[in-house]
Full PDB file with SEQRES, HELIX, SHEET, SSBOND, CRYST1, ORIGX, SCALE, CONECT and MASTER records, all heavy atoms in Angstrom:
SEQRES   1 A   40  LEU GLU ASP ALA ALA ARG ALA ALA TYR THR TRP ARG THR          
SEQRES   2 A   40  VAL ASP VAL GLU LEU ALA GLU LEU MET ARG ASP SER ALA          
SEQRES   3 A   40  GLU GLN GLN GLU GLU ALA GLY LEU LEU VAL ARG GLY ALA          
SEQRES   4 A   40  HIS                                                          
HELIX    1 AA1 GLU A    2  TYR A    9  1                                   8    
HELIX    2 AA2 THR A   10  THR A   13  5                                   4    
HELIX    3 AA3 SER A   25  GLU A   31  1                                   7    
CRYST1    1.000    1.000    1.000  90.00  90.00  90.00 P 1           1          
ORIGX1      1.000000  0.000000  0.000000        0.00000                         
ORIGX2      0.000000  1.000000  0.000000        0.00000                         
ORIGX3      0.000000  0.000000  1.000000        0.00000                         
SCALE1      1.000000  0.000000  0.000000        0.00000                         
SCALE2      0.000000  1.000000  0.000000        0.00000                         
SCALE3      0.000000  0.000000  1.000000        0.00000                         
ATOM      1  N   LEU A   1       0.838  -1.202   0.005  1.00  0.00           N  
ATOM      2  CA  LEU A   1       0.019   0.006   0.002  1.00  0.00           C  
ATOM      3  C   LEU A   1       0.875   1.256  -0.005  1.00  0.00           C  
ATOM      4  O   LEU A   1       0.595   2.236  -0.702  1.00  0.00           O  
ATOM      5  CB  LEU A   1      -0.929   0.004   1.199  1.00  0.00           C  
ATOM      6  CG  LEU A   1      -1.862   1.190   1.348  1.00  0.00           C  
ATOM      7  CD1 LEU A   1      -2.795   1.279   0.138  1.00  0.00           C  
ATOM      8  CD2 LEU A   1      -2.668   1.113   2.634  1.00  0.00           C  
ATOM      9  N   GLU A   2       1.912   1.240   0.776  1.00  0.00           N  
ATOM     10  CA  GLU A   2       2.861   2.384   0.816  1.00  0.00           C  
ATOM     11  C   GLU A   2       3.501   2.610  -0.553  1.00  0.00           C  
ATOM     12  O   GLU A   2       3.592   3.720  -1.010  1.00  0.00           O  
ATOM     13  CB  GLU A   2       3.919   2.133   1.910  1.00  0.00           C  
ATOM     14  CG  GLU A   2       4.692   3.379   2.277  1.00  0.00           C  
ATOM     15  CD  GLU A   2       5.578   3.121   3.450  1.00  0.00           C  
ATOM     16  OE1 GLU A   2       5.105   2.598   4.492  1.00  0.00           O  
ATOM     17  OE2 GLU A   2       6.785   3.469   3.354  1.00  0.00           O  
ATOM     18  N   ASP A   3       3.930   1.519  -1.193  1.00  0.00           N  
ATOM     19  CA  ASP A   3       4.521   1.616  -2.542  1.00  0.00           C  
ATOM     20  C   ASP A   3       3.530   2.170  -3.540  1.00  0.00           C  
ATOM     21  O   ASP A   3       3.866   2.994  -4.387  1.00  0.00           O  
ATOM     22  CB  ASP A   3       5.047   0.273  -2.995  1.00  0.00           C  
ATOM     23  CG  ASP A   3       6.237  -0.232  -2.162  1.00  0.00           C  
ATOM     24  OD1 ASP A   3       6.858   0.615  -1.460  1.00  0.00           O  
ATOM     25  OD2 ASP A   3       6.532  -1.420  -2.242  1.00  0.00           O  
ATOM     26  N   ALA A   4       2.275   1.709  -3.467  1.00  0.00           N  
ATOM     27  CA  ALA A   4       1.254   2.172  -4.397  1.00  0.00           C  
ATOM     28  C   ALA A   4       0.949   3.652  -4.177  1.00  0.00           C  
ATOM     29  O   ALA A   4       0.748   4.396  -5.143  1.00  0.00           O  
ATOM     30  CB  ALA A   4      -0.028   1.355  -4.225  1.00  0.00           C  
ATOM     31  N   ALA A   5       0.932   4.084  -2.932  1.00  0.00           N  
ATOM     32  CA  ALA A   5       0.713   5.486  -2.636  1.00  0.00           C  
ATOM     33  C   ALA A   5       1.819   6.368  -3.215  1.00  0.00           C  
ATOM     34  O   ALA A   5       1.570   7.430  -3.801  1.00  0.00           O  
ATOM     35  CB  ALA A   5       0.566   5.715  -1.142  1.00  0.00           C  
ATOM     36  N   ARG A   6       3.059   5.932  -3.049  1.00  0.00           N  
ATOM     37  CA  ARG A   6       4.196   6.687  -3.592  1.00  0.00           C  
ATOM     38  C   ARG A   6       4.111   6.741  -5.132  1.00  0.00           C  
ATOM     39  O   ARG A   6       4.382   7.772  -5.725  1.00  0.00           O  
ATOM     40  CB  ARG A   6       5.509   6.068  -3.165  1.00  0.00           C  
ATOM     41  CG  ARG A   6       5.824   6.274  -1.699  1.00  0.00           C  
ATOM     42  CD  ARG A   6       7.214   5.737  -1.339  1.00  0.00           C  
ATOM     43  NE  ARG A   6       7.359   5.576   0.080  1.00  0.00           N  
ATOM     44  CZ  ARG A   6       7.545   6.541   0.955  1.00  0.00           C  
ATOM     45  NH1 ARG A   6       7.578   7.780   0.531  1.00  0.00           N  
ATOM     46  NH2 ARG A   6       7.683   6.291   2.221  1.00  0.00           N  
ATOM     47  N   ALA A   7       3.773   5.634  -5.753  1.00  0.00           N  
ATOM     48  CA  ALA A   7       3.660   5.591  -7.204  1.00  0.00           C  
ATOM     49  C   ALA A   7       2.543   6.511  -7.691  1.00  0.00           C  
ATOM     50  O   ALA A   7       2.681   7.242  -8.679  1.00  0.00           O  
ATOM     51  CB  ALA A   7       3.422   4.164  -7.689  1.00  0.00           C  
ATOM     52  N   ALA A   8       1.411   6.522  -6.981  1.00  0.00           N  
ATOM     53  CA  ALA A   8       0.305   7.388  -7.354  1.00  0.00           C  
ATOM     54  C   ALA A   8       0.691   8.866  -7.209  1.00  0.00           C  
ATOM     55  O   ALA A   8       0.272   9.698  -8.005  1.00  0.00           O  
ATOM     56  CB  ALA A   8      -0.921   7.082  -6.481  1.00  0.00           C  
ATOM     57  N   TYR A   9       1.475   9.182  -6.192  1.00  0.00           N  
ATOM     58  CA  TYR A   9       1.907  10.553  -5.969  1.00  0.00           C  
ATOM     59  C   TYR A   9       2.712  11.090  -7.165  1.00  0.00           C  
ATOM     60  O   TYR A   9       2.640  12.243  -7.511  1.00  0.00           O  
ATOM     61  CB  TYR A   9       2.691  10.643  -4.648  1.00  0.00           C  
ATOM     62  CG  TYR A   9       3.128  12.054  -4.315  1.00  0.00           C  
ATOM     63  CD1 TYR A   9       2.180  12.980  -3.905  1.00  0.00           C  
ATOM     64  CD2 TYR A   9       4.452  12.420  -4.389  1.00  0.00           C  
ATOM     65  CE1 TYR A   9       2.543  14.276  -3.581  1.00  0.00           C  
ATOM     66  CE2 TYR A   9       4.820  13.726  -4.064  1.00  0.00           C  
ATOM     67  CZ  TYR A   9       3.878  14.637  -3.644  1.00  0.00           C  
ATOM     68  OH  TYR A   9       4.251  15.921  -3.312  1.00  0.00           O  
ATOM     69  N   THR A  10       3.478  10.234  -7.800  1.00  0.00           N  
ATOM     70  CA  THR A  10       4.288  10.693  -8.946  1.00  0.00           C  
ATOM     71  C   THR A  10       3.425  11.115 -10.126  1.00  0.00           C  
ATOM     72  O   THR A  10       3.865  11.857 -10.992  1.00  0.00           O  
ATOM     73  CB  THR A  10       5.274   9.612  -9.425  1.00  0.00           C  
ATOM     74  OG1 THR A  10       4.529   8.478  -9.867  1.00  0.00           O  
ATOM     75  CG2 THR A  10       6.217   9.201  -8.310  1.00  0.00           C  
ATOM     76  N   TRP A  11       2.166  10.672 -10.149  1.00  0.00           N  
ATOM     77  CA  TRP A  11       1.257  11.045 -11.280  1.00  0.00           C  
ATOM     78  C   TRP A  11       0.753  12.466 -11.139  1.00  0.00           C  
ATOM     79  O   TRP A  11       0.111  12.980 -12.044  1.00  0.00           O  
ATOM     80  CB  TRP A  11       0.076  10.087 -11.314  1.00  0.00           C  
ATOM     81  CG  TRP A  11       0.414   8.823 -12.011  1.00  0.00           C  
ATOM     82  CD1 TRP A  11       0.934   7.712 -11.474  1.00  0.00           C  
ATOM     83  CD2 TRP A  11       0.281   8.563 -13.412  1.00  0.00           C  
ATOM     84  NE1 TRP A  11       1.153   6.742 -12.439  1.00  0.00           N  
ATOM     85  CE2 TRP A  11       0.757   7.279 -13.650  1.00  0.00           C  
ATOM     86  CE3 TRP A  11      -0.164   9.332 -14.493  1.00  0.00           C  
ATOM     87  CZ2 TRP A  11       0.780   6.720 -14.899  1.00  0.00           C  
ATOM     88  CZ3 TRP A  11      -0.154   8.769 -15.741  1.00  0.00           C  
ATOM     89  CH2 TRP A  11       0.313   7.490 -15.947  1.00  0.00           C  
ATOM     90  N   ARG A  12       1.056  13.173 -10.047  1.00  0.00           N  
ATOM     91  CA  ARG A  12       0.564  14.539  -9.880  1.00  0.00           C  
ATOM     92  C   ARG A  12       1.117  15.471 -10.939  1.00  0.00           C  
ATOM     93  O   ARG A  12       0.528  16.515 -11.208  1.00  0.00           O  
ATOM     94  CB  ARG A  12       0.904  15.054  -8.484  1.00  0.00           C  
ATOM     95  CG  ARG A  12       2.349  15.432  -8.309  1.00  0.00           C  
ATOM     96  CD  ARG A  12       2.728  15.692  -6.845  1.00  0.00           C  
ATOM     97  NE  ARG A  12       4.046  16.206  -6.724  1.00  0.00           N  
ATOM     98  CZ  ARG A  12       5.167  15.552  -6.936  1.00  0.00           C  
ATOM     99  NH1 ARG A  12       5.136  14.291  -7.349  1.00  0.00           N  
ATOM    100  NH2 ARG A  12       6.355  16.123  -6.774  1.00  0.00           N  
ATOM    101  N   THR A  13       2.230  15.113 -11.577  1.00  0.00           N  
ATOM    102  CA  THR A  13       2.827  15.987 -12.598  1.00  0.00           C  
ATOM    103  C   THR A  13       2.839  15.304 -13.971  1.00  0.00           C  
ATOM    104  O   THR A  13       3.667  15.621 -14.809  1.00  0.00           O  
ATOM    105  CB  THR A  13       4.272  16.364 -12.194  1.00  0.00           C  
ATOM    106  OG1 THR A  13       5.020  15.151 -12.021  1.00  0.00           O  
ATOM    107  CG2 THR A  13       4.313  17.183 -10.951  1.00  0.00           C  
ATOM    108  N   VAL A  14       1.845  14.432 -14.212  1.00  0.00           N  
ATOM    109  CA  VAL A  14       1.833  13.674 -15.472  1.00  0.00           C  
ATOM    110  C   VAL A  14       1.623  14.606 -16.657  1.00  0.00           C  
ATOM    111  O   VAL A  14       2.046  14.325 -17.775  1.00  0.00           O  
ATOM    112  CB  VAL A  14       0.786  12.557 -15.440  1.00  0.00           C  
ATOM    113  CG1 VAL A  14      -0.602  13.115 -15.509  1.00  0.00           C  
ATOM    114  CG2 VAL A  14       1.048  11.571 -16.551  1.00  0.00           C  
ATOM    115  N   ASP A  15       1.000  15.791 -16.420  1.00  0.00           N  
ATOM    116  CA  ASP A  15       0.740  16.714 -17.502  1.00  0.00           C  
ATOM    117  C   ASP A  15       1.859  17.722 -17.723  1.00  0.00           C  
ATOM    118  O   ASP A  15       1.731  18.648 -18.481  1.00  0.00           O  
ATOM    119  CB  ASP A  15      -0.578  17.443 -17.294  1.00  0.00           C  
ATOM    120  CG  ASP A  15      -0.600  18.238 -15.989  1.00  0.00           C  
ATOM    121  OD1 ASP A  15       0.265  17.996 -15.149  1.00  0.00           O  
ATOM    122  OD2 ASP A  15      -1.513  19.060 -15.810  1.00  0.00           O  
ATOM    123  N   VAL A  16       2.981  17.517 -17.085  1.00  0.00           N  
ATOM    124  CA  VAL A  16       4.110  18.403 -17.237  1.00  0.00           C  
ATOM    125  C   VAL A  16       4.770  18.179 -18.605  1.00  0.00           C  
ATOM    126  O   VAL A  16       5.003  17.051 -19.011  1.00  0.00           O  
ATOM    127  CB  VAL A  16       5.141  18.181 -16.114  1.00  0.00           C  
ATOM    128  CG1 VAL A  16       6.445  18.907 -16.390  1.00  0.00           C  
ATOM    129  CG2 VAL A  16       4.573  18.628 -14.793  1.00  0.00           C  
ATOM    130  N   GLU A  17       5.039  19.271 -19.277  1.00  0.00           N  
ATOM    131  CA  GLU A  17       5.745  19.193 -20.556  1.00  0.00           C  
ATOM    132  C   GLU A  17       7.230  18.994 -20.274  1.00  0.00           C  
ATOM    133  O   GLU A  17       7.804  19.709 -19.441  1.00  0.00           O  
ATOM    134  CB  GLU A  17       5.513  20.504 -21.285  1.00  0.00           C  
ATOM    135  CG  GLU A  17       6.002  20.543 -22.688  1.00  0.00           C  
ATOM    136  CD  GLU A  17       5.613  21.879 -23.325  1.00  0.00           C  
ATOM    137  OE1 GLU A  17       4.458  22.287 -23.224  1.00  0.00           O  
ATOM    138  OE2 GLU A  17       6.508  22.495 -23.915  1.00  0.00           O  
ATOM    139  N   LEU A  18       7.849  18.033 -20.902  1.00  0.00           N  
ATOM    140  CA  LEU A  18       9.270  17.746 -20.655  1.00  0.00           C  
ATOM    141  C   LEU A  18      10.153  18.450 -21.665  1.00  0.00           C  
ATOM    142  O   LEU A  18       9.972  18.317 -22.884  1.00  0.00           O  
ATOM    143  CB  LEU A  18       9.506  16.236 -20.705  1.00  0.00           C  
ATOM    144  CG  LEU A  18      10.800  15.732 -20.120  1.00  0.00           C  
ATOM    145  CD1 LEU A  18      10.929  16.094 -18.666  1.00  0.00           C  
ATOM    146  CD2 LEU A  18      10.901  14.232 -20.279  1.00  0.00           C  
ATOM    147  N   ALA A  19      11.074  19.247 -21.157  1.00  0.00           N  
ATOM    148  CA  ALA A  19      12.027  19.951 -22.025  1.00  0.00           C  
ATOM    149  C   ALA A  19      13.162  18.975 -22.366  1.00  0.00           C  
ATOM    150  O   ALA A  19      13.626  18.226 -21.523  1.00  0.00           O  
ATOM    151  CB  ALA A  19      12.580  21.200 -21.342  1.00  0.00           C  
ATOM    152  N   GLU A  20      13.647  19.057 -23.573  1.00  0.00           N  
ATOM    153  CA  GLU A  20      14.688  18.147 -24.082  1.00  0.00           C  
ATOM    154  C   GLU A  20      16.069  18.797 -23.913  1.00  0.00           C  
ATOM    155  O   GLU A  20      16.252  19.973 -24.222  1.00  0.00           O  
ATOM    156  CB  GLU A  20      14.429  17.838 -25.527  1.00  0.00           C  
ATOM    157  CG  GLU A  20      15.388  16.852 -26.136  1.00  0.00           C  
ATOM    158  CD  GLU A  20      15.079  16.609 -27.618  1.00  0.00           C  
ATOM    159  OE1 GLU A  20      14.024  17.016 -28.105  1.00  0.00           O  
ATOM    160  OE2 GLU A  20      15.929  15.977 -28.268  1.00  0.00           O  
ATOM    161  N   LEU A  21      17.052  17.993 -23.484  1.00  0.00           N  
ATOM    162  CA  LEU A  21      18.430  18.498 -23.391  1.00  0.00           C  
ATOM    163  C   LEU A  21      18.964  18.717 -24.796  1.00  0.00           C  
ATOM    164  O   LEU A  21      18.997  17.813 -25.601  1.00  0.00           O  
ATOM    165  CB  LEU A  21      19.316  17.509 -22.644  1.00  0.00           C  
ATOM    166  CG  LEU A  21      20.809  17.846 -22.573  1.00  0.00           C  
ATOM    167  CD1 LEU A  21      21.022  19.115 -21.745  1.00  0.00           C  
ATOM    168  CD2 LEU A  21      21.587  16.691 -21.970  1.00  0.00           C  
ATOM    169  N   MET A  22      19.389  19.939 -25.060  1.00  0.00           N  
ATOM    170  CA  MET A  22      19.904  20.285 -26.392  1.00  0.00           C  
ATOM    171  C   MET A  22      21.437  20.405 -26.368  1.00  0.00           C  
ATOM    172  O   MET A  22      22.087  20.117 -27.366  1.00  0.00           O  
ATOM    173  CB  MET A  22      19.324  21.607 -26.864  1.00  0.00           C  
ATOM    174  CG  MET A  22      17.785  21.600 -26.949  1.00  0.00           C  
ATOM    175  SD  MET A  22      17.120  20.257 -27.964  1.00  0.00           S  
ATOM    176  CE  MET A  22      17.559  20.802 -29.589  1.00  0.00           C  
ATOM    177  N   ARG A  23      21.979  20.826 -25.228  1.00  0.00           N  
ATOM    178  CA  ARG A  23      23.434  21.043 -25.156  1.00  0.00           C  
ATOM    179  C   ARG A  23      23.921  20.900 -23.717  1.00  0.00           C  
ATOM    180  O   ARG A  23      23.260  21.359 -22.787  1.00  0.00           O  
ATOM    181  CB  ARG A  23      23.747  22.454 -25.637  1.00  0.00           C  
ATOM    182  CG  ARG A  23      25.209  22.828 -25.649  1.00  0.00           C  
ATOM    183  CD  ARG A  23      25.334  24.189 -26.339  1.00  0.00           C  
ATOM    184  NE  ARG A  23      26.268  25.152 -25.908  1.00  0.00           N  
ATOM    185  CZ  ARG A  23      26.684  25.489 -24.689  1.00  0.00           C  
ATOM    186  NH1 ARG A  23      26.220  24.859 -23.660  1.00  0.00           N  
ATOM    187  NH2 ARG A  23      27.552  26.415 -24.461  1.00  0.00           N  
ATOM    188  N   ASP A  24      25.035  20.208 -23.554  1.00  0.00           N  
ATOM    189  CA  ASP A  24      25.700  20.068 -22.255  1.00  0.00           C  
ATOM    190  C   ASP A  24      27.169  20.303 -22.486  1.00  0.00           C  
ATOM    191  O   ASP A  24      27.835  19.522 -23.181  1.00  0.00           O  
ATOM    192  CB  ASP A  24      25.435  18.669 -21.693  1.00  0.00           C  
ATOM    193  CG  ASP A  24      26.041  18.468 -20.303  1.00  0.00           C  
ATOM    194  OD1 ASP A  24      26.888  19.300 -19.869  1.00  0.00           O  
ATOM    195  OD2 ASP A  24      25.712  17.474 -19.661  1.00  0.00           O  
ATOM    196  N   SER A  25      27.695  21.392 -21.959  1.00  0.00           N  
ATOM    197  CA  SER A  25      29.089  21.757 -22.184  1.00  0.00           C  
ATOM    198  C   SER A  25      30.054  20.686 -21.693  1.00  0.00           C  
ATOM    199  O   SER A  25      31.127  20.505 -22.289  1.00  0.00           O  
ATOM    200  CB  SER A  25      29.444  23.117 -21.578  1.00  0.00           C  
ATOM    201  OG  SER A  25      29.315  23.046 -20.155  1.00  0.00           O  
ATOM    202  N   ALA A  26      29.706  19.937 -20.651  1.00  0.00           N  
ATOM    203  CA  ALA A  26      30.592  18.896 -20.133  1.00  0.00           C  
ATOM    204  C   ALA A  26      30.741  17.781 -21.175  1.00  0.00           C  
ATOM    205  O   ALA A  26      31.831  17.265 -21.387  1.00  0.00           O  
ATOM    206  CB  ALA A  26      30.029  18.333 -18.839  1.00  0.00           C  
ATOM    207  N   GLU A  27      29.656  17.403 -21.848  1.00  0.00           N  
ATOM    208  CA  GLU A  27      29.734  16.366 -22.871  1.00  0.00           C  
ATOM    209  C   GLU A  27      30.509  16.867 -24.082  1.00  0.00           C  
ATOM    210  O   GLU A  27      31.271  16.108 -24.687  1.00  0.00           O  
ATOM    211  CB  GLU A  27      28.333  15.944 -23.298  1.00  0.00           C  
ATOM    212  CG  GLU A  27      27.590  15.141 -22.261  1.00  0.00           C  
ATOM    213  CD  GLU A  27      26.173  14.772 -22.708  1.00  0.00           C  
ATOM    214  OE1 GLU A  27      25.795  15.077 -23.844  1.00  0.00           O  
ATOM    215  OE2 GLU A  27      25.464  14.207 -21.869  1.00  0.00           O  
ATOM    216  N   GLN A  28      30.342  18.121 -24.436  1.00  0.00           N  
ATOM    217  CA  GLN A  28      31.045  18.685 -25.595  1.00  0.00           C  
ATOM    218  C   GLN A  28      32.563  18.706 -25.317  1.00  0.00           C  
ATOM    219  O   GLN A  28      33.334  18.404 -26.217  1.00  0.00           O  
ATOM    220  CB  GLN A  28      30.519  20.075 -25.921  1.00  0.00           C  
ATOM    221  CG  GLN A  28      29.140  20.044 -26.492  1.00  0.00           C  
ATOM    222  CD  GLN A  28      28.586  21.458 -26.749  1.00  0.00           C  
ATOM    223  OE1 GLN A  28      28.955  22.407 -26.080  1.00  0.00           O  
ATOM    224  NE2 GLN A  28      27.661  21.528 -27.706  1.00  0.00           N  
ATOM    225  N   GLN A  29      32.952  19.073 -24.110  1.00  0.00           N  
ATOM    226  CA  GLN A  29      34.376  19.096 -23.784  1.00  0.00           C  
ATOM    227  C   GLN A  29      34.944  17.710 -23.816  1.00  0.00           C  
ATOM    228  O   GLN A  29      36.038  17.487 -24.299  1.00  0.00           O  
ATOM    229  CB  GLN A  29      34.587  19.712 -22.378  1.00  0.00           C  
ATOM    230  CG  GLN A  29      34.372  21.211 -22.377  1.00  0.00           C  
ATOM    231  CD  GLN A  29      34.540  21.771 -20.956  1.00  0.00           C  
ATOM    232  OE1 GLN A  29      34.601  21.040 -19.978  1.00  0.00           O  
ATOM    233  NE2 GLN A  29      34.607  23.082 -20.875  1.00  0.00           N  
ATOM    234  N   GLU A  30      34.191  16.745 -23.307  1.00  0.00           N  
ATOM    235  CA  GLU A  30      34.659  15.345 -23.278  1.00  0.00           C  
ATOM    236  C   GLU A  30      34.834  14.824 -24.706  1.00  0.00           C  
ATOM    237  O   GLU A  30      35.832  14.176 -25.019  1.00  0.00           O  
ATOM    238  CB  GLU A  30      33.628  14.479 -22.506  1.00  0.00           C  
ATOM    239  CG  GLU A  30      34.100  13.084 -22.274  1.00  0.00           C  
ATOM    240  CD  GLU A  30      33.102  12.358 -21.401  1.00  0.00           C  
ATOM    241  OE1 GLU A  30      32.753  12.842 -20.320  1.00  0.00           O  
ATOM    242  OE2 GLU A  30      32.659  11.256 -21.833  1.00  0.00           O  
ATOM    243  N   GLU A  31      33.870  15.113 -25.555  1.00  0.00           N  
ATOM    244  CA  GLU A  31      33.962  14.667 -26.960  1.00  0.00           C  
ATOM    245  C   GLU A  31      35.130  15.296 -27.691  1.00  0.00           C  
ATOM    246  O   GLU A  31      35.760  14.676 -28.558  1.00  0.00           O  
ATOM    247  CB  GLU A  31      32.652  14.999 -27.701  1.00  0.00           C  
ATOM    248  CG  GLU A  31      31.498  14.174 -27.286  1.00  0.00           C  
ATOM    249  CD  GLU A  31      30.171  14.638 -27.843  1.00  0.00           C  
ATOM    250  OE1 GLU A  31      30.163  15.609 -28.654  1.00  0.00           O  
ATOM    251  OE2 GLU A  31      29.132  14.053 -27.494  1.00  0.00           O  
ATOM    252  N   ALA A  32      35.460  16.525 -27.343  1.00  0.00           N  
ATOM    253  CA  ALA A  32      36.552  17.239 -27.990  1.00  0.00           C  
ATOM    254  C   ALA A  32      37.897  16.867 -27.368  1.00  0.00           C  
ATOM    255  O   ALA A  32      38.929  17.338 -27.818  1.00  0.00           O  
ATOM    256  CB  ALA A  32      36.342  18.734 -27.918  1.00  0.00           C  
ATOM    257  N   GLY A  33      37.899  16.050 -26.316  1.00  0.00           N  
ATOM    258  CA  GLY A  33      39.132  15.663 -25.663  1.00  0.00           C  
ATOM    259  C   GLY A  33      39.748  16.795 -24.866  1.00  0.00           C  
ATOM    260  O   GLY A  33      40.964  16.842 -24.637  1.00  0.00           O  
ATOM    261  N   LEU A  34      38.929  17.699 -24.359  1.00  0.00           N  
ATOM    262  CA  LEU A  34      39.422  18.871 -23.635  1.00  0.00           C  
ATOM    263  C   LEU A  34      39.480  18.684 -22.139  1.00  0.00           C  
ATOM    264  O   LEU A  34      39.855  19.585 -21.422  1.00  0.00           O  
ATOM    265  CB  LEU A  34      38.556  20.084 -23.949  1.00  0.00           C  
ATOM    266  CG  LEU A  34      38.556  20.526 -25.401  1.00  0.00           C  
ATOM    267  CD1 LEU A  34      37.595  21.689 -25.572  1.00  0.00           C  
ATOM    268  CD2 LEU A  34      39.948  20.918 -25.850  1.00  0.00           C  
ATOM    269  N   LEU A  35      39.125  17.506 -21.640  1.00  0.00           N  
ATOM    270  CA  LEU A  35      39.149  17.299 -20.200  1.00  0.00           C  
ATOM    271  C   LEU A  35      40.568  17.078 -19.720  1.00  0.00           C  
ATOM    272  O   LEU A  35      41.270  16.210 -20.191  1.00  0.00           O  
ATOM    273  CB  LEU A  35      38.297  16.101 -19.803  1.00  0.00           C  
ATOM    274  CG  LEU A  35      36.792  16.267 -19.998  1.00  0.00           C  
ATOM    275  CD1 LEU A  35      36.060  15.021 -19.506  1.00  0.00           C  
ATOM    276  CD2 LEU A  35      36.286  17.479 -19.264  1.00  0.00           C  
ATOM    277  N   VAL A  36      40.998  17.955 -18.847  1.00  0.00           N  
ATOM    278  CA  VAL A  36      42.310  17.864 -18.248  1.00  0.00           C  
ATOM    279  C   VAL A  36      42.168  18.004 -16.762  1.00  0.00           C  
ATOM    280  O   VAL A  36      41.117  18.383 -16.263  1.00  0.00           O  
ATOM    281  CB  VAL A  36      43.261  18.961 -18.807  1.00  0.00           C  
ATOM    282  CG1 VAL A  36      43.533  18.742 -20.274  1.00  0.00           C  
ATOM    283  CG2 VAL A  36      42.693  20.326 -18.568  1.00  0.00           C  
ATOM    284  N   ARG A  37      43.213  17.735 -16.045  1.00  0.00           N  
ATOM    285  CA  ARG A  37      43.130  17.880 -14.588  1.00  0.00           C  
ATOM    286  C   ARG A  37      43.000  19.347 -14.238  1.00  0.00           C  
ATOM    287  O   ARG A  37      43.458  20.231 -14.935  1.00  0.00           O  
ATOM    288  CB  ARG A  37      44.389  17.344 -13.915  1.00  0.00           C  
ATOM    289  CG  ARG A  37      44.459  15.864 -13.983  1.00  0.00           C  
ATOM    290  CD  ARG A  37      45.612  15.387 -13.167  1.00  0.00           C  
ATOM    291  NE  ARG A  37      45.789  13.949 -13.401  1.00  0.00           N  
ATOM    292  CZ  ARG A  37      46.594  13.216 -12.702  1.00  0.00           C  
ATOM    293  NH1 ARG A  37      47.309  13.730 -11.769  1.00  0.00           N  
ATOM    294  NH2 ARG A  37      46.684  11.930 -12.943  1.00  0.00           N  
ATOM    295  N   GLY A  38      42.394  19.605 -13.070  1.00  0.00           N  
ATOM    296  CA  GLY A  38      42.255  20.960 -12.622  1.00  0.00           C  
ATOM    297  C   GLY A  38      40.812  21.463 -12.757  1.00  0.00           C  
ATOM    298  O   GLY A  38      39.917  20.737 -13.198  1.00  0.00           O  
ATOM    299  N   ALA A  39      40.620  22.696 -12.355  1.00  0.00           N  
ATOM    300  CA  ALA A  39      39.297  23.279 -12.334  1.00  0.00           C  
ATOM    301  C   ALA A  39      38.791  23.566 -13.745  1.00  0.00           C  
ATOM    302  O   ALA A  39      39.533  23.906 -14.642  1.00  0.00           O  
ATOM    303  CB  ALA A  39      39.316  24.570 -11.510  1.00  0.00           C  
ATOM    304  N   HIS A  40      37.516  23.374 -13.882  1.00  0.00           N  
ATOM    305  CA  HIS A  40      36.850  23.664 -15.150  1.00  0.00           C  
ATOM    306  C   HIS A  40      35.914  24.859 -14.900  1.00  0.00           C  
ATOM    307  O   HIS A  40      35.518  25.114 -13.809  1.00  0.00           O  
ATOM    308  CB  HIS A  40      36.033  22.465 -15.640  1.00  0.00           C  
ATOM    309  CG  HIS A  40      36.878  21.242 -15.826  1.00  0.00           C  
ATOM    310  ND1 HIS A  40      37.724  21.124 -16.880  1.00  0.00           N  
ATOM    311  CD2 HIS A  40      36.953  20.092 -15.121  1.00  0.00           C  
ATOM    312  CE1 HIS A  40      38.335  19.930 -16.804  1.00  0.00           C  
ATOM    313  NE2 HIS A  40      37.877  19.318 -15.735  1.00  0.00           N  
TER     314      HIS A  40                                                      
MASTER        0    0    0    3    0    0    0    6  313    1    0    4          
END                                                                             
């Protein structure tokens, strides 16, 4: 019953529009081989 209640609670935002990831600078740096030690 507790599991079912938690699952039902997640449906409160079923009508939310989901935005799609278009760009992530961390992935772009990794693809370009720019990851080095130190602060980014």
